[in-house]
Amino acid sequence: MTSPPESTAYATIREGIALREQGRSLEAKALMESLVAGVESGDDAFAKVFLAHSLADVQESPEDELAWDLRALAFMDELTDERAIERGNPGGKSALLPSLHLNLAVDYRRLGDDTNARRHFELGQAHLDALADDAYGDSIRSAFVQGI
């Protein structure tokens, strides 16, 4: 099965991620924020989750990072397994949950909310079996072994 054509939003989000990885978080944030209105008004739930999850990583404050990660989690309600698989996640939408819940656990830990941090860590662990046996899956499983 081939993936459906990718919107330009995906390329722009990836460009933002690359900027962040180069230490250019402010540029990454501005680039990705320019997509919010268009992506959120569209019908591509995977793009909504991907953008919100990526924007969380370029926020200056832990409160803003938490808000974007919670937004990504809320968009998961719109996402179907079929769409997640089309976008390259063989484990469906469940394969996105370990990373998302791990980020939420870290967000809550940074804010001193150990109860929610533990809860999200455990929720993420519950979906580890949905991860593919690849480098990405290995990196997420390794992060859970290291803990928060």
N, C-alpha and C. Protein backbone atom coordinates (compact mmCIF):
# COMPACT_ATOMS: atom_id res chain seq x y z
N MET A 1 0.84 -1.18 0.00
CA MET A 1 0.00 0.00 0.00
C MET A 1 0.88 1.24 0.00
N THR A 2 0.54 2.19 -0.85
CA THR A 2 1.30 3.42 -0.90
C THR A 2 0.62 4.49 -0.08
N SER A 3 1.42 5.37 0.44
CA SER A 3 0.88 6.47 1.25
C SER A 3 0.20 7.47 0.35
N PRO A 4 -0.84 8.14 0.87
CA PRO A 4 -1.48 9.19 0.08
C PRO A 4 -0.52 10.35 -0.10
N PRO A 5 -0.78 11.19 -1.09
CA PRO A 5 0.10 12.35 -1.28
C PRO A 5 0.16 13.18 0.00
N GLU A 6 1.31 13.73 0.23
CA GLU A 6 1.53 14.49 1.46
C GLU A 6 1.28 15.97 1.20
N SER A 7 0.58 16.62 2.12
CA SER A 7 0.35 18.05 1.98
C SER A 7 1.65 18.79 2.25
N THR A 8 1.69 20.04 1.83
CA THR A 8 2.89 20.84 2.08
C THR A 8 3.09 21.07 3.57
N ALA A 9 2.02 20.95 4.35
CA ALA A 9 2.15 21.13 5.81
C ALA A 9 3.16 20.15 6.39
N TYR A 10 3.15 18.89 5.92
CA TYR A 10 4.08 17.90 6.45
C TYR A 10 5.53 18.32 6.21
N ALA A 11 5.80 18.79 5.01
CA ALA A 11 7.17 19.22 4.68
C ALA A 11 7.58 20.41 5.55
N THR A 12 6.63 21.31 5.80
CA THR A 12 6.93 22.48 6.62
C THR A 12 7.16 22.07 8.08
N ILE A 13 6.36 21.15 8.58
CA ILE A 13 6.57 20.66 9.95
C ILE A 13 7.94 20.00 10.05
N ARG A 14 8.29 19.19 9.07
CA ARG A 14 9.62 18.54 9.09
C ARG A 14 10.73 19.57 9.03
N GLU A 15 10.53 20.64 8.25
CA GLU A 15 11.51 21.72 8.19
C GLU A 15 11.65 22.37 9.57
N GLY A 16 10.52 22.56 10.25
CA GLY A 16 10.56 23.11 11.61
C GLY A 16 11.31 22.21 12.57
N ILE A 17 11.08 20.91 12.46
CA ILE A 17 11.80 19.95 13.31
C ILE A 17 13.30 20.03 13.04
N ALA A 18 13.67 20.13 11.77
CA ALA A 18 15.09 20.24 11.42
C ALA A 18 15.69 21.52 12.00
N LEU A 19 14.96 22.62 11.93
CA LEU A 19 15.45 23.87 12.52
C LEU A 19 15.65 23.72 14.02
N ARG A 20 14.69 23.07 14.70
CA ARG A 20 14.81 22.84 16.14
C ARG A 20 16.05 22.02 16.44
N GLU A 21 16.27 20.98 15.64
CA GLU A 21 17.43 20.11 15.86
C GLU A 21 18.75 20.84 15.62
N GLN A 22 18.70 21.93 14.85
CA GLN A 22 19.89 22.76 14.61
C GLN A 22 20.04 23.84 15.69
N GLY A 23 19.16 23.82 16.69
CA GLY A 23 19.22 24.81 17.76
C GLY A 23 18.53 26.12 17.41
N ARG A 24 17.70 26.10 16.38
CA ARG A 24 17.02 27.32 15.91
C ARG A 24 15.53 27.24 16.26
N SER A 25 15.26 27.07 17.55
CA SER A 25 13.90 26.85 18.02
C SER A 25 12.94 28.00 17.74
N LEU A 26 13.41 29.23 17.85
CA LEU A 26 12.51 30.36 17.59
C LEU A 26 12.06 30.38 16.14
N GLU A 27 12.98 30.11 15.22
CA GLU A 27 12.62 30.03 13.80
C GLU A 27 11.66 28.86 13.56
N ALA A 28 11.94 27.75 14.20
CA ALA A 28 11.09 26.56 14.06
C ALA A 28 9.68 26.87 14.55
N LYS A 29 9.60 27.52 15.69
CA LYS A 29 8.30 27.86 16.28
C LYS A 29 7.52 28.78 15.34
N ALA A 30 8.16 29.82 14.83
CA ALA A 30 7.48 30.76 13.93
C ALA A 30 7.00 30.05 12.67
N LEU A 31 7.84 29.20 12.12
CA LEU A 31 7.47 28.47 10.90
C LEU A 31 6.27 27.58 11.15
N MET A 32 6.31 26.80 12.22
CA MET A 32 5.21 25.88 12.48
C MET A 32 3.95 26.61 12.92
N GLU A 33 4.09 27.69 13.68
CA GLU A 33 2.90 28.45 14.08
C GLU A 33 2.15 29.01 12.88
N SER A 34 2.88 29.26 11.78
CA SER A 34 2.22 29.79 10.58
C SER A 34 1.26 28.77 9.96
N LEU A 35 1.36 27.52 10.38
CA LEU A 35 0.51 26.46 9.85
C LEU A 35 -0.75 26.21 10.68
N VAL A 36 -0.78 26.68 11.90
CA VAL A 36 -1.81 26.27 12.86
C VAL A 36 -3.22 26.48 12.32
N ALA A 37 -3.55 27.67 11.87
CA ALA A 37 -4.92 27.95 11.43
C ALA A 37 -5.34 27.03 10.28
N GLY A 38 -4.47 26.88 9.30
CA GLY A 38 -4.81 26.04 8.15
C GLY A 38 -4.94 24.57 8.50
N VAL A 39 -4.01 24.06 9.29
CA VAL A 39 -4.04 22.64 9.65
C VAL A 39 -5.23 22.35 10.56
N GLU A 40 -5.43 23.19 11.55
CA GLU A 40 -6.51 22.92 12.51
C GLU A 40 -7.90 23.08 11.90
N SER A 41 -8.03 23.86 10.83
CA SER A 41 -9.33 24.00 10.18
C SER A 41 -9.55 22.92 9.12
N GLY A 42 -8.51 22.13 8.86
CA GLY A 42 -8.61 21.07 7.87
C GLY A 42 -9.13 19.77 8.46
N ASP A 43 -9.13 18.74 7.61
CA ASP A 43 -9.67 17.44 8.05
C ASP A 43 -8.61 16.36 8.20
N ASP A 44 -7.33 16.75 8.21
CA ASP A 44 -6.25 15.78 8.35
C ASP A 44 -5.85 15.69 9.83
N ALA A 45 -6.46 14.73 10.52
CA ALA A 45 -6.21 14.59 11.96
C ALA A 45 -4.76 14.26 12.26
N PHE A 46 -4.11 13.49 11.38
CA PHE A 46 -2.70 13.17 11.63
C PHE A 46 -1.86 14.44 11.59
N ALA A 47 -2.12 15.33 10.64
CA ALA A 47 -1.38 16.59 10.55
C ALA A 47 -1.60 17.42 11.81
N LYS A 48 -2.82 17.41 12.35
CA LYS A 48 -3.11 18.16 13.56
C LYS A 48 -2.28 17.64 14.73
N VAL A 49 -2.25 16.33 14.89
CA VAL A 49 -1.47 15.72 15.99
C VAL A 49 0.02 16.01 15.79
N PHE A 50 0.51 15.80 14.56
CA PHE A 50 1.92 15.99 14.24
C PHE A 50 2.35 17.43 14.51
N LEU A 51 1.54 18.39 14.08
CA LEU A 51 1.89 19.79 14.27
C LEU A 51 1.89 20.16 15.76
N ALA A 52 0.84 19.80 16.48
CA ALA A 52 0.77 20.16 17.90
C ALA A 52 1.90 19.51 18.69
N HIS A 53 2.17 18.23 18.40
CA HIS A 53 3.23 17.50 19.09
C HIS A 53 4.59 18.14 18.79
N SER A 54 4.79 18.59 17.56
CA SER A 54 6.05 19.23 17.17
C SER A 54 6.17 20.63 17.75
N LEU A 55 5.06 21.36 17.79
CA LEU A 55 5.09 22.70 18.38
C LEU A 55 5.39 22.66 19.87
N ALA A 56 4.97 21.62 20.54
CA ALA A 56 5.27 21.49 21.97
C ALA A 56 6.77 21.55 22.22
N ASP A 57 7.53 20.96 21.31
CA ASP A 57 8.98 20.86 21.50
C ASP A 57 9.73 22.17 21.32
N VAL A 58 9.05 23.22 20.84
CA VAL A 58 9.75 24.49 20.61
C VAL A 58 9.22 25.61 21.50
N GLN A 59 8.49 25.26 22.54
CA GLN A 59 7.96 26.27 23.45
C GLN A 59 9.02 26.66 24.48
N GLU A 60 8.96 27.91 24.89
CA GLU A 60 9.93 28.41 25.87
C GLU A 60 9.57 28.03 27.30
N SER A 61 8.29 27.87 27.57
CA SER A 61 7.89 27.58 28.96
C SER A 61 7.28 26.18 29.05
N PRO A 62 7.47 25.52 30.19
CA PRO A 62 6.88 24.20 30.37
C PRO A 62 5.35 24.24 30.32
N GLU A 63 4.75 25.35 30.73
CA GLU A 63 3.29 25.47 30.66
C GLU A 63 2.81 25.46 29.21
N ASP A 64 3.52 26.19 28.34
CA ASP A 64 3.15 26.22 26.93
C ASP A 64 3.41 24.86 26.26
N GLU A 65 4.50 24.23 26.65
CA GLU A 65 4.79 22.90 26.11
C GLU A 65 3.69 21.92 26.50
N LEU A 66 3.26 21.95 27.75
CA LEU A 66 2.17 21.10 28.20
C LEU A 66 0.90 21.39 27.41
N ALA A 67 0.59 22.66 27.20
CA ALA A 67 -0.63 23.02 26.48
C ALA A 67 -0.64 22.44 25.07
N TRP A 68 0.50 22.49 24.38
CA TRP A 68 0.57 21.94 23.02
C TRP A 68 0.51 20.41 23.04
N ASP A 69 1.14 19.78 24.02
CA ASP A 69 1.06 18.32 24.09
C ASP A 69 -0.37 17.87 24.41
N LEU A 70 -1.07 18.61 25.27
CA LEU A 70 -2.46 18.29 25.56
C LEU A 70 -3.34 18.49 24.32
N ARG A 71 -3.00 19.49 23.55
CA ARG A 71 -3.73 19.73 22.30
C ARG A 71 -3.52 18.56 21.34
N ALA A 72 -2.29 18.07 21.24
CA ALA A 72 -2.01 16.90 20.39
C ALA A 72 -2.82 15.70 20.86
N LEU A 73 -2.86 15.50 22.17
CA LEU A 73 -3.62 14.38 22.72
C LEU A 73 -5.11 14.52 22.39
N ALA A 74 -5.63 15.73 22.47
CA ALA A 74 -7.05 15.95 22.15
C ALA A 74 -7.33 15.64 20.68
N PHE A 75 -6.40 15.97 19.80
CA PHE A 75 -6.60 15.67 18.37
C PHE A 75 -6.57 14.18 18.08
N MET A 76 -6.02 13.39 19.00
CA MET A 76 -6.01 11.93 18.81
C MET A 76 -7.43 11.39 18.69
N ASP A 77 -8.41 12.06 19.28
CA ASP A 77 -9.80 11.62 19.19
C ASP A 77 -10.31 11.64 17.75
N GLU A 78 -9.74 12.52 16.92
CA GLU A 78 -10.14 12.62 15.52
C GLU A 78 -9.41 11.62 14.62
N LEU A 79 -8.30 11.10 15.08
CA LEU A 79 -7.44 10.26 14.26
C LEU A 79 -7.94 8.82 14.22
N THR A 80 -7.93 8.25 13.05
CA THR A 80 -8.30 6.84 12.90
C THR A 80 -7.03 6.00 12.77
N ASP A 81 -7.17 4.72 13.08
CA ASP A 81 -6.04 3.80 12.88
C ASP A 81 -5.63 3.80 11.42
N GLU A 82 -6.61 3.79 10.53
CA GLU A 82 -6.32 3.76 9.09
C GLU A 82 -5.44 4.93 8.68
N ARG A 83 -5.79 6.13 9.14
CA ARG A 83 -5.01 7.33 8.78
C ARG A 83 -3.60 7.25 9.36
N ALA A 84 -3.48 6.78 10.59
CA ALA A 84 -2.15 6.66 11.20
C ALA A 84 -1.30 5.65 10.42
N ILE A 85 -1.91 4.57 10.00
CA ILE A 85 -1.18 3.56 9.22
C ILE A 85 -0.78 4.13 7.87
N GLU A 86 -1.68 4.87 7.21
CA GLU A 86 -1.36 5.53 5.95
C GLU A 86 -0.15 6.45 6.09
N ARG A 87 -0.01 7.07 7.25
CA ARG A 87 1.09 8.02 7.48
C ARG A 87 2.34 7.31 7.99
N GLY A 88 2.36 5.98 7.96
CA GLY A 88 3.60 5.26 8.26
C GLY A 88 3.71 4.72 9.66
N ASN A 89 2.60 4.59 10.37
CA ASN A 89 2.60 4.02 11.72
C ASN A 89 1.89 2.68 11.69
N PRO A 90 2.64 1.58 11.48
CA PRO A 90 1.99 0.27 11.34
C PRO A 90 1.17 -0.14 12.56
N GLY A 91 1.45 0.42 13.72
CA GLY A 91 0.70 0.11 14.93
C GLY A 91 -0.54 0.98 15.08
N GLY A 92 -0.89 1.74 14.05
CA GLY A 92 -2.05 2.60 14.10
C GLY A 92 -1.85 3.77 15.04
N LYS A 93 -2.96 4.34 15.47
CA LYS A 93 -2.86 5.52 16.34
C LYS A 93 -2.24 5.18 17.69
N SER A 94 -2.36 3.94 18.11
CA SER A 94 -1.75 3.53 19.39
C SER A 94 -0.24 3.68 19.37
N ALA A 95 0.37 3.62 18.18
CA ALA A 95 1.82 3.75 18.07
C ALA A 95 2.28 5.18 18.34
N LEU A 96 1.36 6.13 18.31
CA LEU A 96 1.71 7.52 18.60
C LEU A 96 1.64 7.84 20.09
N LEU A 97 0.90 7.02 20.81
CA LEU A 97 0.64 7.31 22.23
C LEU A 97 1.85 7.20 23.15
N PRO A 98 2.77 6.26 22.94
CA PRO A 98 3.93 6.23 23.86
C PRO A 98 4.71 7.54 23.88
N SER A 99 5.02 8.08 22.71
CA SER A 99 5.78 9.32 22.65
C SER A 99 4.98 10.48 23.22
N LEU A 100 3.72 10.55 22.87
CA LEU A 100 2.89 11.64 23.35
C LEU A 100 2.73 11.60 24.87
N HIS A 101 2.44 10.44 25.42
CA HIS A 101 2.30 10.34 26.88
C HIS A 101 3.63 10.55 27.59
N LEU A 102 4.73 10.11 26.99
CA LEU A 102 6.05 10.35 27.59
C LEU A 102 6.32 11.86 27.66
N ASN A 103 6.02 12.57 26.58
CA ASN A 103 6.21 14.02 26.61
C ASN A 103 5.33 14.67 27.66
N LEU A 104 4.09 14.21 27.78
CA LEU A 104 3.21 14.74 28.81
C LEU A 104 3.75 14.45 30.21
N ALA A 105 4.29 13.25 30.40
CA ALA A 105 4.88 12.90 31.70
C ALA A 105 6.03 13.85 32.04
N VAL A 106 6.87 14.12 31.05
CA VAL A 106 8.00 15.04 31.27
C VAL A 106 7.49 16.45 31.56
N ASP A 107 6.46 16.87 30.79
CA ASP A 107 5.88 18.20 31.03
C ASP A 107 5.40 18.33 32.47
N TYR A 108 4.61 17.36 32.89
CA TYR A 108 4.07 17.41 34.25
C TYR A 108 5.17 17.33 35.30
N ARG A 109 6.19 16.53 35.06
CA ARG A 109 7.31 16.44 36.01
C ARG A 109 7.98 17.80 36.15
N ARG A 110 8.21 18.48 35.02
CA ARG A 110 8.84 19.81 35.05
C ARG A 110 8.01 20.81 35.84
N LEU A 111 6.69 20.61 35.83
CA LEU A 111 5.80 21.52 36.54
C LEU A 111 5.54 21.08 37.97
N GLY A 112 6.20 20.00 38.40
CA GLY A 112 6.07 19.53 39.78
C GLY A 112 4.82 18.72 40.06
N ASP A 113 4.14 18.27 39.02
CA ASP A 113 2.92 17.47 39.19
C ASP A 113 3.27 15.99 38.99
N ASP A 114 3.79 15.39 40.04
CA ASP A 114 4.26 14.00 39.95
C ASP A 114 3.12 13.01 39.73
N THR A 115 1.94 13.31 40.22
CA THR A 115 0.80 12.40 40.03
C THR A 115 0.45 12.27 38.55
N ASN A 116 0.30 13.40 37.86
CA ASN A 116 0.00 13.35 36.42
C ASN A 116 1.20 12.84 35.63
N ALA A 117 2.40 13.14 36.09
CA ALA A 117 3.59 12.63 35.41
C ALA A 117 3.58 11.10 35.43
N ARG A 118 3.34 10.51 36.58
CA ARG A 118 3.29 9.04 36.70
C ARG A 118 2.16 8.46 35.86
N ARG A 119 1.01 9.12 35.89
CA ARG A 119 -0.15 8.63 35.15
C ARG A 119 0.14 8.58 33.64
N HIS A 120 0.72 9.63 33.11
CA HIS A 120 1.02 9.65 31.67
C HIS A 120 2.17 8.70 31.32
N PHE A 121 3.12 8.55 32.22
CA PHE A 121 4.19 7.59 31.99
C PHE A 121 3.59 6.18 31.87
N GLU A 122 2.69 5.85 32.76
CA GLU A 122 2.05 4.53 32.74
C GLU A 122 1.15 4.36 31.51
N LEU A 123 0.44 5.41 31.13
CA LEU A 123 -0.39 5.34 29.92
C LEU A 123 0.47 5.10 28.68
N GLY A 124 1.62 5.76 28.62
CA GLY A 124 2.53 5.55 27.50
C GLY A 124 3.08 4.14 27.48
N GLN A 125 3.47 3.63 28.66
CA GLN A 125 3.99 2.26 28.75
C GLN A 125 2.96 1.24 28.26
N ALA A 126 1.70 1.51 28.50
CA ALA A 126 0.63 0.57 28.12
C ALA A 126 0.51 0.41 26.61
N HIS A 127 1.11 1.32 25.84
CA HIS A 127 1.01 1.26 24.38
C HIS A 127 2.34 0.94 23.70
N LEU A 128 3.35 0.57 24.47
CA LEU A 128 4.66 0.29 23.87
C LEU A 128 4.61 -0.84 22.85
N ASP A 129 3.71 -1.79 23.05
CA ASP A 129 3.64 -2.91 22.11
C ASP A 129 3.13 -2.49 20.74
N ALA A 130 2.58 -1.29 20.59
CA ALA A 130 2.11 -0.80 19.30
C ALA A 130 3.25 -0.23 18.45
N LEU A 131 4.40 0.03 19.08
CA LEU A 131 5.53 0.58 18.34
C LEU A 131 6.12 -0.45 17.40
N ALA A 132 6.57 0.02 16.26
CA ALA A 132 7.23 -0.85 15.28
C ALA A 132 8.60 -1.26 15.82
N ASP A 133 9.11 -2.34 15.29
CA ASP A 133 10.45 -2.80 15.63
C ASP A 133 11.44 -2.12 14.70
N ASP A 134 11.66 -0.83 14.96
CA ASP A 134 12.56 -0.03 14.14
C ASP A 134 13.30 0.96 15.03
N ALA A 135 14.08 1.83 14.42
CA ALA A 135 14.90 2.76 15.20
C ALA A 135 14.04 3.71 16.04
N TYR A 136 12.94 4.18 15.47
CA TYR A 136 12.06 5.07 16.22
C TYR A 136 11.46 4.33 17.42
N GLY A 137 10.92 3.15 17.19
CA GLY A 137 10.35 2.36 18.28
C GLY A 137 11.38 2.07 19.35
N ASP A 138 12.60 1.73 18.91
CA ASP A 138 13.68 1.46 19.87
C ASP A 138 13.99 2.70 20.71
N SER A 139 13.98 3.88 20.07
CA SER A 139 14.31 5.10 20.81
C SER A 139 13.24 5.41 21.86
N ILE A 140 11.99 5.18 21.52
CA ILE A 140 10.92 5.45 22.48
C ILE A 140 10.96 4.43 23.63
N ARG A 141 11.14 3.15 23.29
CA ARG A 141 11.25 2.13 24.35
C ARG A 141 12.43 2.43 25.26
N SER A 142 13.54 2.87 24.70
CA SER A 142 14.72 3.21 25.49
C SER A 142 14.42 4.38 26.42
N ALA A 143 13.68 5.36 25.94
CA ALA A 143 13.32 6.51 26.78
C ALA A 143 12.49 6.07 27.97
N PHE A 144 11.63 5.09 27.78
CA PHE A 144 10.83 4.59 28.90
C PHE A 144 11.69 3.83 29.90
N VAL A 145 12.71 3.13 29.42
CA VAL A 145 13.61 2.42 30.32
C VAL A 145 14.37 3.43 31.18
N GLN A 146 14.75 4.56 30.58
CA GLN A 146 15.49 5.60 31.31
C GLN A 146 14.59 6.31 32.32
N GLY A 147 13.30 6.36 32.04
CA GLY A 147 12.37 7.01 32.97
C GLY A 147 12.32 8.50 32.80
N ILE A 148 11.52 9.13 33.65
CA ILE A 148 11.37 10.58 33.56
C ILE A 148 12.03 11.26 34.75
